[in-house]
Each structure stands twice: as structure tokens, then as C-alpha cells.
Amino acid sequence: MKLKLSKNFYYRVQDGDDVTKLCTRFNTTKENILRNNYDIPLYSGEILKIKTNDHLIHFVKPTETLESISKTYNITTAKLIEDNKLKNTKLYIGQQIKIYQKE
């Protein structure tokens, strides 16, 4: 799923989502989710307004590379390496990559 890079966006809840997972994934707090939404617990299919901090979290999927991720978010591979303090270009499935928003 490609996320729009902004301070606020909307997310459709999927099976297995909970507030803690969403806070980690979107680099926000439980308070931000509760402040912007009325229904907790979350229900599959529900639309949440998410207010993020300064970056998004991208979870690496099979076959993804730094180059493919950088194209998805329209940033350079060098910026991904620098922002995430990566020592090499090897990624693993499930790895969290920070995507910083452009000012």
C-alpha cells in the first residue's frame, strides 16, 4: 500500500490491526489515534484518520529493494540509506524503513 506523505491521512482498518501496531507503523501515539477517531476498539473496514509525526514506517515486503522503495515514495536511495543509517543495501522481509516527509 502506498501512503500519501502528509501529516494526516486516512487508513482502512484490516483484520489483525490494533492501536499499538498502528502507532508503530505510522509513527504516532495512541492519543493521536484516539483524539482523531471515536470508535475504539477498531473494526475491520473502519476508516481511521491518522495524524503522523515526521515520518512514515514502511515494512519491507518480499522482493522489495531500496530502489523500489525509493521509487514508491519518490525519494533517492541515498536518502533512504542516510535516514535509516543503513550499513549496506541488504533488506530483510519485515524490516522497518523510515520514510521522512518532504518539507
PDB file of N, CA and C in Angstrom:
ATOM      1  N   MET A   1       0.839  -1.168   0.000  1.00  0.00           N
ATOM      2  CA  MET A   1       0.000   0.000   0.000  1.00  0.00           C
ATOM      3  C   MET A   1       0.889   1.236   0.000  1.00  0.00           C
ATOM      4  N   LYS A   2       0.616   2.167  -0.864  1.00  0.00           N
ATOM      5  CA  LYS A   2       1.364   3.423  -0.920  1.00  0.00           C
ATOM      6  C   LYS A   2       0.620   4.455  -0.083  1.00  0.00           C
ATOM      7  N   LEU A   3       1.338   5.104   0.813  1.00  0.00           N
ATOM      8  CA  LEU A   3       0.729   6.104   1.680  1.00  0.00           C
ATOM      9  C   LEU A   3       1.060   7.493   1.187  1.00  0.00           C
ATOM     10  N   LYS A   4       0.094   8.380   1.224  1.00  0.00           N
ATOM     11  CA  LYS A   4       0.333   9.766   0.863  1.00  0.00           C
ATOM     12  C   LYS A   4       1.186  10.397   1.956  1.00  0.00           C
ATOM     13  N   LEU A   5       2.230  11.092   1.566  1.00  0.00           N
ATOM     14  CA  LEU A   5       3.111  11.709   2.547  1.00  0.00           C
ATOM     15  C   LEU A   5       2.517  13.040   3.003  1.00  0.00           C
ATOM     16  N   SER A   6       1.874  13.004   4.138  1.00  0.00           N
ATOM     17  CA  SER A   6       1.292  14.212   4.712  1.00  0.00           C
ATOM     18  C   SER A   6       1.190  14.007   6.211  1.00  0.00           C
ATOM     19  N   LYS A   7       0.854  15.056   6.928  1.00  0.00           N
ATOM     20  CA  LYS A   7       0.735  14.951   8.387  1.00  0.00           C
ATOM     21  C   LYS A   7      -0.535  14.207   8.789  1.00  0.00           C
ATOM     22  N   ASN A   8      -1.556  14.192   7.951  1.00  0.00           N
ATOM     23  CA  ASN A   8      -2.800  13.479   8.214  1.00  0.00           C
ATOM     24  C   ASN A   8      -3.169  12.669   6.987  1.00  0.00           C
ATOM     25  N   PHE A   9      -3.675  11.473   7.202  1.00  0.00           N
ATOM     26  CA  PHE A   9      -4.195  10.678   6.106  1.00  0.00           C
ATOM     27  C   PHE A   9      -5.201   9.709   6.687  1.00  0.00           C
ATOM     28  N   TYR A  10      -5.874   8.980   5.812  1.00  0.00           N
ATOM     29  CA  TYR A  10      -6.907   8.041   6.237  1.00  0.00           C
ATOM     30  C   TYR A  10      -6.459   6.627   5.936  1.00  0.00           C
ATOM     31  N   TYR A  11      -6.794   5.709   6.827  1.00  0.00           N
ATOM     32  CA  TYR A  11      -6.373   4.316   6.711  1.00  0.00           C
ATOM     33  C   TYR A  11      -7.569   3.416   6.991  1.00  0.00           C
ATOM     34  N   ARG A  12      -7.778   2.417   6.138  1.00  0.00           N
ATOM     35  CA  ARG A  12      -8.855   1.445   6.358  1.00  0.00           C
ATOM     36  C   ARG A  12      -8.320   0.305   7.220  1.00  0.00           C
ATOM     37  N   VAL A  13      -8.954   0.076   8.357  1.00  0.00           N
ATOM     38  CA  VAL A  13      -8.539  -0.960   9.301  1.00  0.00           C
ATOM     39  C   VAL A  13      -8.677  -2.335   8.648  1.00  0.00           C
ATOM     40  N   GLN A  14      -7.668  -3.166   8.851  1.00  0.00           N
ATOM     41  CA  GLN A  14      -7.664  -4.527   8.317  1.00  0.00           C
ATOM     42  C   GLN A  14      -7.717  -5.515   9.473  1.00  0.00           C
ATOM     43  N   ASP A  15      -8.095  -6.757   9.174  1.00  0.00           N
ATOM     44  CA  ASP A  15      -8.119  -7.807  10.203  1.00  0.00           C
ATOM     45  C   ASP A  15      -6.753  -7.879  10.875  1.00  0.00           C
ATOM     46  N   GLY A  16      -6.734  -7.962  12.189  1.00  0.00           N
ATOM     47  CA  GLY A  16      -5.480  -8.085  12.919  1.00  0.00           C
ATOM     48  C   GLY A  16      -4.868  -6.761  13.348  1.00  0.00           C
ATOM     49  N   ASP A  17      -5.385  -5.638  12.851  1.00  0.00           N
ATOM     50  CA  ASP A  17      -4.863  -4.328  13.267  1.00  0.00           C
ATOM     51  C   ASP A  17      -5.294  -4.031  14.697  1.00  0.00           C
ATOM     52  N   ASP A  18      -4.398  -3.438  15.442  1.00  0.00           N
ATOM     53  CA  ASP A  18      -4.766  -2.885  16.741  1.00  0.00           C
ATOM     54  C   ASP A  18      -4.050  -1.553  16.908  1.00  0.00           C
ATOM     55  N   VAL A  19      -4.429  -0.810  17.924  1.00  0.00           N
ATOM     56  CA  VAL A  19      -3.899   0.540  18.099  1.00  0.00           C
ATOM     57  C   VAL A  19      -2.384   0.525  18.237  1.00  0.00           C
ATOM     58  N   THR A  20      -1.845  -0.418  18.978  1.00  0.00           N
ATOM     59  CA  THR A  20      -0.397  -0.488  19.189  1.00  0.00           C
ATOM     60  C   THR A  20       0.338  -0.692  17.874  1.00  0.00           C
ATOM     61  N   LYS A  21      -0.137  -1.611  17.036  1.00  0.00           N
ATOM     62  CA  LYS A  21       0.501  -1.866  15.739  1.00  0.00           C
ATOM     63  C   LYS A  21       0.434  -0.622  14.855  1.00  0.00           C
ATOM     64  N   LEU A  22      -0.715   0.049  14.861  1.00  0.00           N
ATOM     65  CA  LEU A  22      -0.868   1.238  14.030  1.00  0.00           C
ATOM     66  C   LEU A  22       0.034   2.367  14.513  1.00  0.00           C
ATOM     67  N   CYS A  23       0.185   2.505  15.813  1.00  0.00           N
ATOM     68  CA  CYS A  23       1.082   3.538  16.355  1.00  0.00           C
ATOM     69  C   CYS A  23       2.508   3.314  15.871  1.00  0.00           C
ATOM     70  N   THR A  24       2.962   2.073  15.918  1.00  0.00           N
ATOM     71  CA  THR A  24       4.299   1.743  15.452  1.00  0.00           C
ATOM     72  C   THR A  24       4.430   1.961  13.952  1.00  0.00           C
ATOM     73  N   ARG A  25       3.476   1.459  13.206  1.00  0.00           N
ATOM     74  CA  ARG A  25       3.549   1.538  11.748  1.00  0.00           C
ATOM     75  C   ARG A  25       3.555   2.967  11.234  1.00  0.00           C
ATOM     76  N   PHE A  26       2.741   3.827  11.843  1.00  0.00           N
ATOM     77  CA  PHE A  26       2.596   5.187  11.342  1.00  0.00           C
ATOM     78  C   PHE A  26       3.288   6.231  12.214  1.00  0.00           C
ATOM     79  N   ASN A  27       4.137   5.784  13.132  1.00  0.00           N
ATOM     80  CA  ASN A  27       4.915   6.678  13.985  1.00  0.00           C
ATOM     81  C   ASN A  27       4.038   7.762  14.612  1.00  0.00           C
ATOM     82  N   THR A  28       3.040   7.312  15.328  1.00  0.00           N
ATOM     83  CA  THR A  28       2.146   8.228  16.013  1.00  0.00           C
ATOM     84  C   THR A  28       1.886   7.684  17.410  1.00  0.00           C
ATOM     85  N   THR A  29       1.061   8.348  18.152  1.00  0.00           N
ATOM     86  CA  THR A  29       0.755   7.919  19.514  1.00  0.00           C
ATOM     87  C   THR A  29      -0.686   7.446  19.608  1.00  0.00           C
ATOM     88  N   LYS A  30      -0.961   6.675  20.649  1.00  0.00           N
ATOM     89  CA  LYS A  30      -2.322   6.210  20.899  1.00  0.00           C
ATOM     90  C   LYS A  30      -3.244   7.412  21.094  1.00  0.00           C
ATOM     91  N   GLU A  31      -2.732   8.432  21.747  1.00  0.00           N
ATOM     92  CA  GLU A  31      -3.524   9.641  21.992  1.00  0.00           C
ATOM     93  C   GLU A  31      -3.942  10.308  20.679  1.00  0.00           C
ATOM     94  N   ASN A  32      -3.026  10.354  19.692  1.00  0.00           N
ATOM     95  CA  ASN A  32      -3.368  10.936  18.386  1.00  0.00           C
ATOM     96  C   ASN A  32      -4.475  10.136  17.707  1.00  0.00           C
ATOM     97  N   ILE A  33      -4.395   8.814  17.788  1.00  0.00           N
ATOM     98  CA  ILE A  33      -5.437   7.988  17.172  1.00  0.00           C
ATOM     99  C   ILE A  33      -6.764   8.188  17.894  1.00  0.00           C
ATOM    100  N   LEU A  34      -6.734   8.187  19.225  1.00  0.00           N
ATOM    101  CA  LEU A  34      -7.970   8.369  19.987  1.00  0.00           C
ATOM    102  C   LEU A  34      -8.565   9.758  19.795  1.00  0.00           C
ATOM    103  N   ARG A  35      -7.738  10.769  19.700  1.00  0.00           N
ATOM    104  CA  ARG A  35      -8.198  12.152  19.540  1.00  0.00           C
ATOM    105  C   ARG A  35      -8.908  12.353  18.206  1.00  0.00           C
ATOM    106  N   ASN A  36      -8.454  11.643  17.175  1.00  0.00           N
ATOM    107  CA  ASN A  36      -8.997  11.837  15.832  1.00  0.00           C
ATOM    108  C   ASN A  36     -10.075  10.836  15.437  1.00  0.00           C
ATOM    109  N   ASN A  37     -10.392   9.887  16.303  1.00  0.00           N
ATOM    110  CA  ASN A  37     -11.361   8.833  15.978  1.00  0.00           C
ATOM    111  C   ASN A  37     -12.216   8.536  17.200  1.00  0.00           C
ATOM    112  N   TYR A  38     -13.413   8.030  16.944  1.00  0.00           N
ATOM    113  CA  TYR A  38     -14.353   7.808  18.040  1.00  0.00           C
ATOM    114  C   TYR A  38     -14.431   6.364  18.506  1.00  0.00           C
ATOM    115  N   ASP A  39     -14.279   5.416  17.586  1.00  0.00           N
ATOM    116  CA  ASP A  39     -14.511   4.014  17.922  1.00  0.00           C
ATOM    117  C   ASP A  39     -13.229   3.278  18.257  1.00  0.00           C
ATOM    118  N   ILE A  40     -13.104   2.899  19.492  1.00  0.00           N
ATOM    119  CA  ILE A  40     -12.040   2.010  19.917  1.00  0.00           C
ATOM    120  C   ILE A  40     -12.757   0.961  20.760  1.00  0.00           C
ATOM    121  N   PRO A  41     -12.702  -0.323  20.505  1.00  0.00           N
ATOM    122  CA  PRO A  41     -11.735  -0.995  19.649  1.00  0.00           C
ATOM    123  C   PRO A  41     -11.992  -0.758  18.169  1.00  0.00           C
ATOM    124  N   LEU A  42     -11.004  -1.155  17.377  1.00  0.00           N
ATOM    125  CA  LEU A  42     -11.075  -0.962  15.933  1.00  0.00           C
ATOM    126  C   LEU A  42     -11.839  -2.108  15.282  1.00  0.00           C
ATOM    127  N   TYR A  43     -12.555  -1.775  14.223  1.00  0.00           N
ATOM    128  CA  TYR A  43     -13.312  -2.773  13.471  1.00  0.00           C
ATOM    129  C   TYR A  43     -12.789  -2.837  12.045  1.00  0.00           C
ATOM    130  N   SER A  44     -12.670  -4.054  11.522  1.00  0.00           N
ATOM    131  CA  SER A  44     -12.204  -4.243  10.157  1.00  0.00           C
ATOM    132  C   SER A  44     -13.086  -3.454   9.194  1.00  0.00           C
ATOM    133  N   GLY A  45     -12.451  -2.702   8.298  1.00  0.00           N
ATOM    134  CA  GLY A  45     -13.175  -1.894   7.324  1.00  0.00           C
ATOM    135  C   GLY A  45     -13.403  -0.455   7.775  1.00  0.00           C
ATOM    136  N   GLU A  46     -13.228  -0.193   9.050  1.00  0.00           N
ATOM    137  CA  GLU A  46     -13.400   1.160   9.577  1.00  0.00           C
ATOM    138  C   GLU A  46     -12.317   2.079   9.001  1.00  0.00           C
ATOM    139  N   ILE A  47     -12.654   3.328   8.764  1.00  0.00           N
ATOM    140  CA  ILE A  47     -11.697   4.303   8.255  1.00  0.00           C
ATOM    141  C   ILE A  47     -11.206   5.151   9.427  1.00  0.00           C
ATOM    142  N   LEU A  48      -9.894   5.182   9.616  1.00  0.00           N
ATOM    143  CA  LEU A  48      -9.298   5.978  10.682  1.00  0.00           C
ATOM    144  C   LEU A  48      -8.575   7.180  10.107  1.00  0.00           C
ATOM    145  N   LYS A  49      -8.655   8.287  10.804  1.00  0.00           N
ATOM    146  CA  LYS A  49      -7.823   9.441  10.480  1.00  0.00           C
ATOM    147  C   LYS A  49      -6.554   9.282  11.303  1.00  0.00           C
ATOM    148  N   ILE A  50      -5.420   9.271  10.634  1.00  0.00           N
ATOM    149  CA  ILE A  50      -4.135   9.085  11.296  1.00  0.00           C
ATOM    150  C   ILE A  50      -3.339  10.379  11.200  1.00  0.00           C
ATOM    151  N   LYS A  51      -2.900  10.885  12.338  1.00  0.00           N
ATOM    152  CA  LYS A  51      -2.009  12.048  12.379  1.00  0.00           C
ATOM    153  C   LYS A  51      -0.622  11.500  12.678  1.00  0.00           C
ATOM    154  N   THR A  52       0.307  11.740  11.773  1.00  0.00           N
ATOM    155  CA  THR A  52       1.648  11.183  11.924  1.00  0.00           C
ATOM    156  C   THR A  52       2.622  12.214  12.471  1.00  0.00           C
ATOM    157  N   ASN A  53       3.765  11.726  12.857  1.00  0.00           N
ATOM    158  CA  ASN A  53       4.842  12.612  13.273  1.00  0.00           C
ATOM    159  C   ASN A  53       5.647  12.981  12.028  1.00  0.00           C
ATOM    160  N   ASP A  54       6.944  12.957  12.084  1.00  0.00           N
ATOM    161  CA  ASP A  54       7.746  13.444  10.961  1.00  0.00           C
ATOM    162  C   ASP A  54       8.081  12.396   9.905  1.00  0.00           C
ATOM    163  N   HIS A  55       7.694  11.139  10.104  1.00  0.00           N
ATOM    164  CA  HIS A  55       7.992  10.121   9.101  1.00  0.00           C
ATOM    165  C   HIS A  55       6.982   8.980   9.149  1.00  0.00           C
ATOM    166  N   LEU A  56       6.959   8.216   8.079  1.00  0.00           N
ATOM    167  CA  LEU A  56       6.151   7.007   7.998  1.00  0.00           C
ATOM    168  C   LEU A  56       7.069   5.810   8.181  1.00  0.00           C
ATOM    169  N   ILE A  57       6.481   4.681   8.514  1.00  0.00           N
ATOM    170  CA  ILE A  57       7.230   3.437   8.606  1.00  0.00           C
ATOM    171  C   ILE A  57       6.779   2.539   7.454  1.00  0.00           C
ATOM    172  N   HIS A  58       7.742   2.086   6.650  1.00  0.00           N
ATOM    173  CA  HIS A  58       7.462   1.151   5.558  1.00  0.00           C
ATOM    174  C   HIS A  58       8.005  -0.209   5.981  1.00  0.00           C
ATOM    175  N   PHE A  59       7.170  -1.243   5.916  1.00  0.00           N
ATOM    176  CA  PHE A  59       7.607  -2.595   6.229  1.00  0.00           C
ATOM    177  C   PHE A  59       8.000  -3.283   4.924  1.00  0.00           C
ATOM    178  N   VAL A  60       9.232  -3.746   4.850  1.00  0.00           N
ATOM    179  CA  VAL A  60       9.763  -4.359   3.638  1.00  0.00           C
ATOM    180  C   VAL A  60       9.014  -5.658   3.331  1.00  0.00           C
ATOM    181  N   LYS A  61       8.593  -5.778   2.057  1.00  0.00           N
ATOM    182  CA  LYS A  61       7.892  -6.967   1.572  1.00  0.00           C
ATOM    183  C   LYS A  61       8.851  -7.801   0.716  1.00  0.00           C
ATOM    184  N   PRO A  62       8.493  -9.064   0.472  1.00  0.00           N
ATOM    185  CA  PRO A  62       9.352  -9.906  -0.364  1.00  0.00           C
ATOM    186  C   PRO A  62       9.622  -9.236  -1.714  1.00  0.00           C
ATOM    187  N   THR A  63      10.797  -9.356  -2.192  1.00  0.00           N
ATOM    188  CA  THR A  63      11.308  -8.855  -3.477  1.00  0.00           C
ATOM    189  C   THR A  63      11.526  -7.340  -3.513  1.00  0.00           C
ATOM    190  N   GLU A  64      11.215  -6.616  -2.446  1.00  0.00           N
ATOM    191  CA  GLU A  64      11.456  -5.170  -2.457  1.00  0.00           C
ATOM    192  C   GLU A  64      12.938  -4.878  -2.270  1.00  0.00           C
ATOM    193  N   THR A  65      13.378  -3.802  -2.906  1.00  0.00           N
ATOM    194  CA  THR A  65      14.746  -3.322  -2.777  1.00  0.00           C
ATOM    195  C   THR A  65      14.703  -1.865  -2.347  1.00  0.00           C
ATOM    196  N   LEU A  66      15.852  -1.331  -1.973  1.00  0.00           N
ATOM    197  CA  LEU A  66      15.904   0.092  -1.646  1.00  0.00           C
ATOM    198  C   LEU A  66      15.467   0.934  -2.843  1.00  0.00           C
ATOM    199  N   GLU A  67      15.864   0.500  -4.028  1.00  0.00           N
ATOM    200  CA  GLU A  67      15.499   1.236  -5.239  1.00  0.00           C
ATOM    201  C   GLU A  67      13.980   1.237  -5.458  1.00  0.00           C
ATOM    202  N   SER A  68      13.332   0.092  -5.283  1.00  0.00           N
ATOM    203  CA  SER A  68      11.880   0.036  -5.498  1.00  0.00           C
ATOM    204  C   SER A  68      11.137   0.851  -4.436  1.00  0.00           C
ATOM    205  N   ILE A  69      11.632   0.811  -3.211  1.00  0.00           N
ATOM    206  CA  ILE A  69      11.004   1.599  -2.141  1.00  0.00           C
ATOM    207  C   ILE A  69      11.195   3.085  -2.407  1.00  0.00           C
ATOM    208  N   SER A  70      12.388   3.472  -2.829  1.00  0.00           N
ATOM    209  CA  SER A  70      12.642   4.892  -3.100  1.00  0.00           C
ATOM    210  C   SER A  70      11.757   5.400  -4.236  1.00  0.00           C
ATOM    211  N   LYS A  71      11.510   4.574  -5.248  1.00  0.00           N
ATOM    212  CA  LYS A  71      10.614   4.966  -6.339  1.00  0.00           C
ATOM    213  C   LYS A  71       9.174   5.106  -5.853  1.00  0.00           C
ATOM    214  N   THR A  72       8.754   4.217  -4.971  1.00  0.00           N
ATOM    215  CA  THR A  72       7.396   4.267  -4.438  1.00  0.00           C
ATOM    216  C   THR A  72       7.121   5.594  -3.746  1.00  0.00           C
ATOM    217  N   TYR A  73       8.106   6.077  -2.996  1.00  0.00           N
ATOM    218  CA  TYR A  73       7.917   7.297  -2.211  1.00  0.00           C
ATOM    219  C   TYR A  73       8.567   8.532  -2.847  1.00  0.00           C
ATOM    220  N   ASN A  74       9.119   8.360  -4.049  1.00  0.00           N
ATOM    221  CA  ASN A  74       9.722   9.469  -4.788  1.00  0.00           C
ATOM    222  C   ASN A  74      10.834  10.170  -4.001  1.00  0.00           C
ATOM    223  N   ILE A  75      11.737   9.350  -3.471  1.00  0.00           N
ATOM    224  CA  ILE A  75      12.923   9.869  -2.786  1.00  0.00           C
ATOM    225  C   ILE A  75      14.132   9.088  -3.312  1.00  0.00           C
ATOM    226  N   THR A  76      15.323   9.528  -3.003  1.00  0.00           N
ATOM    227  CA  THR A  76      16.513   8.849  -3.512  1.00  0.00           C
ATOM    228  C   THR A  76      16.902   7.673  -2.622  1.00  0.00           C
ATOM    229  N   THR A  77      17.566   6.712  -3.239  1.00  0.00           N
ATOM    230  CA  THR A  77      18.084   5.571  -2.483  1.00  0.00           C
ATOM    231  C   THR A  77      19.100   6.054  -1.454  1.00  0.00           C
ATOM    232  N   ALA A  78      19.932   7.014  -1.831  1.00  0.00           N
ATOM    233  CA  ALA A  78      20.937   7.563  -0.914  1.00  0.00           C
ATOM    234  C   ALA A  78      20.271   8.159   0.329  1.00  0.00           C
ATOM    235  N   LYS A  79      19.133   8.830   0.134  1.00  0.00           N
ATOM    236  CA  LYS A  79      18.416   9.421   1.275  1.00  0.00           C
ATOM    237  C   LYS A  79      17.874   8.329   2.195  1.00  0.00           C
ATOM    238  N   LEU A  80      17.352   7.240   1.617  1.00  0.00           N
ATOM    239  CA  LEU A  80      16.881   6.121   2.441  1.00  0.00           C
ATOM    240  C   LEU A  80      18.019   5.543   3.280  1.00  0.00           C
ATOM    241  N   ILE A  81      19.173   5.360   2.648  1.00  0.00           N
ATOM    242  CA  ILE A  81      20.336   4.814   3.360  1.00  0.00           C
ATOM    243  C   ILE A  81      20.754   5.756   4.484  1.00  0.00           C
ATOM    244  N   GLU A  82      20.836   7.044   4.177  1.00  0.00           N
ATOM    245  CA  GLU A  82      21.248   8.035   5.175  1.00  0.00           C
ATOM    246  C   GLU A  82      20.237   8.142   6.317  1.00  0.00           C
ATOM    247  N   ASP A  83      18.961   8.280   5.988  1.00  0.00           N
ATOM    248  CA  ASP A  83      17.926   8.463   7.021  1.00  0.00           C
ATOM    249  C   ASP A  83      17.788   7.262   7.942  1.00  0.00           C
ATOM    250  N   ASN A  84      18.057   6.071   7.414  1.00  0.00           N
ATOM    251  CA  ASN A  84      17.908   4.847   8.204  1.00  0.00           C
ATOM    252  C   ASN A  84      19.224   4.313   8.739  1.00  0.00           C
ATOM    253  N   LYS A  85      20.322   5.052   8.486  1.00  0.00           N
ATOM    254  CA  LYS A  85      21.656   4.670   8.960  1.00  0.00           C
ATOM    255  C   LYS A  85      21.995   3.222   8.601  1.00  0.00           C
ATOM    256  N   LEU A  86      21.720   2.882   7.327  1.00  0.00           N
ATOM    257  CA  LEU A  86      21.979   1.528   6.853  1.00  0.00           C
ATOM    258  C   LEU A  86      23.458   1.370   6.515  1.00  0.00           C
ATOM    259  N   LYS A  87      24.022   0.232   6.881  1.00  0.00           N
ATOM    260  CA  LYS A  87      25.436  -0.038   6.614  1.00  0.00           C
ATOM    261  C   LYS A  87      25.633  -0.657   5.222  1.00  0.00           C
ATOM    262  N   ASN A  88      24.563  -1.263   4.678  1.00  0.00           N
ATOM    263  CA  ASN A  88      24.623  -1.837   3.331  1.00  0.00           C
ATOM    264  C   ASN A  88      23.227  -1.775   2.722  1.00  0.00           C
ATOM    265  N   THR A  89      23.083  -2.314   1.515  1.00  0.00           N
ATOM    266  CA  THR A  89      21.796  -2.217   0.811  1.00  0.00           C
ATOM    267  C   THR A  89      20.924  -3.459   0.974  1.00  0.00           C
ATOM    268  N   LYS A  90      21.354  -4.401   1.792  1.00  0.00           N
ATOM    269  CA  LYS A  90      20.572  -5.622   2.005  1.00  0.00           C
ATOM    270  C   LYS A  90      19.385  -5.326   2.921  1.00  0.00           C
ATOM    271  N   LEU A  91      18.210  -5.807   2.505  1.00  0.00           N
ATOM    272  CA  LEU A  91      16.995  -5.656   3.298  1.00  0.00           C
ATOM    273  C   LEU A  91      16.455  -7.026   3.640  1.00  0.00           C
ATOM    274  N   TYR A  92      15.656  -7.119   4.695  1.00  0.00           N
ATOM    275  CA  TYR A  92      15.003  -8.370   5.029  1.00  0.00           C
ATOM    276  C   TYR A  92      13.509  -8.133   5.172  1.00  0.00           C
ATOM    277  N   ILE A  93      12.734  -9.170   4.926  1.00  0.00           N
ATOM    278  CA  ILE A  93      11.280  -9.074   4.985  1.00  0.00           C
ATOM    279  C   ILE A  93      10.867  -8.645   6.387  1.00  0.00           C
ATOM    280  N   GLY A  94      10.002  -7.637   6.440  1.00  0.00           N
ATOM    281  CA  GLY A  94       9.510  -7.128   7.718  1.00  0.00           C
ATOM    282  C   GLY A  94      10.349  -6.002   8.303  1.00  0.00           C
ATOM    283  N   GLN A  95      11.502  -5.742   7.716  1.00  0.00           N
ATOM    284  CA  GLN A  95      12.357  -4.659   8.205  1.00  0.00           C
ATOM    285  C   GLN A  95      11.605  -3.332   8.112  1.00  0.00           C
ATOM    286  N   GLN A  96      11.791  -2.499   9.118  1.00  0.00           N
ATOM    287  CA  GLN A  96      11.126  -1.196   9.137  1.00  0.00           C
ATOM    288  C   GLN A  96      12.048  -0.141   8.547  1.00  0.00           C
ATOM    289  N   ILE A  97      11.549   0.555   7.536  1.00  0.00           N
ATOM    290  CA  ILE A  97      12.291   1.625   6.885  1.00  0.00           C
ATOM    291  C   ILE A  97      11.544   2.925   7.130  1.00  0.00           C
ATOM    292  N   LYS A  98      12.244   3.911   7.661  1.00  0.00           N
ATOM    293  CA  LYS A  98      11.634   5.213   7.898  1.00  0.00           C
ATOM    294  C   LYS A  98      11.596   6.004   6.590  1.00  0.00           C
ATOM    295  N   ILE A  99      10.457   6.589   6.311  1.00  0.00           N
ATOM    296  CA  ILE A  99      10.278   7.441   5.139  1.00  0.00           C
ATOM    297  C   ILE A  99       9.980   8.837   5.645  1.00  0.00           C
ATOM    298  N   TYR A 100      10.975   9.719   5.559  1.00  0.00           N
ATOM    299  CA  TYR A 100      10.779  11.085   6.051  1.00  0.00           C
ATOM    300  C   TYR A 100      10.043  11.909   5.026  1.00  0.00           C
ATOM    301  N   GLN A 101       9.132  12.716   5.513  1.00  0.00           N
ATOM    302  CA  GLN A 101       8.316  13.552   4.649  1.00  0.00           C
ATOM    303  C   GLN A 101       9.113  14.758   4.170  1.00  0.00           C
ATOM    304  N   LYS A 102       8.830  15.155   2.952  1.00  0.00           N
ATOM    305  CA  LYS A 102       9.471  16.357   2.411  1.00  0.00           C
ATOM    306  C   LYS A 102       8.812  17.569   3.019  1.00  0.00           C
ATOM    307  N   GLU A 103       9.627  18.575   3.291  1.00  0.00           N
ATOM    308  CA  GLU A 103       9.074  19.816   3.849  1.00  0.00           C
ATOM    309  C   GLU A 103       8.417  20.638   2.788  1.00  0.00           C
TER     310      GLU A 103
END
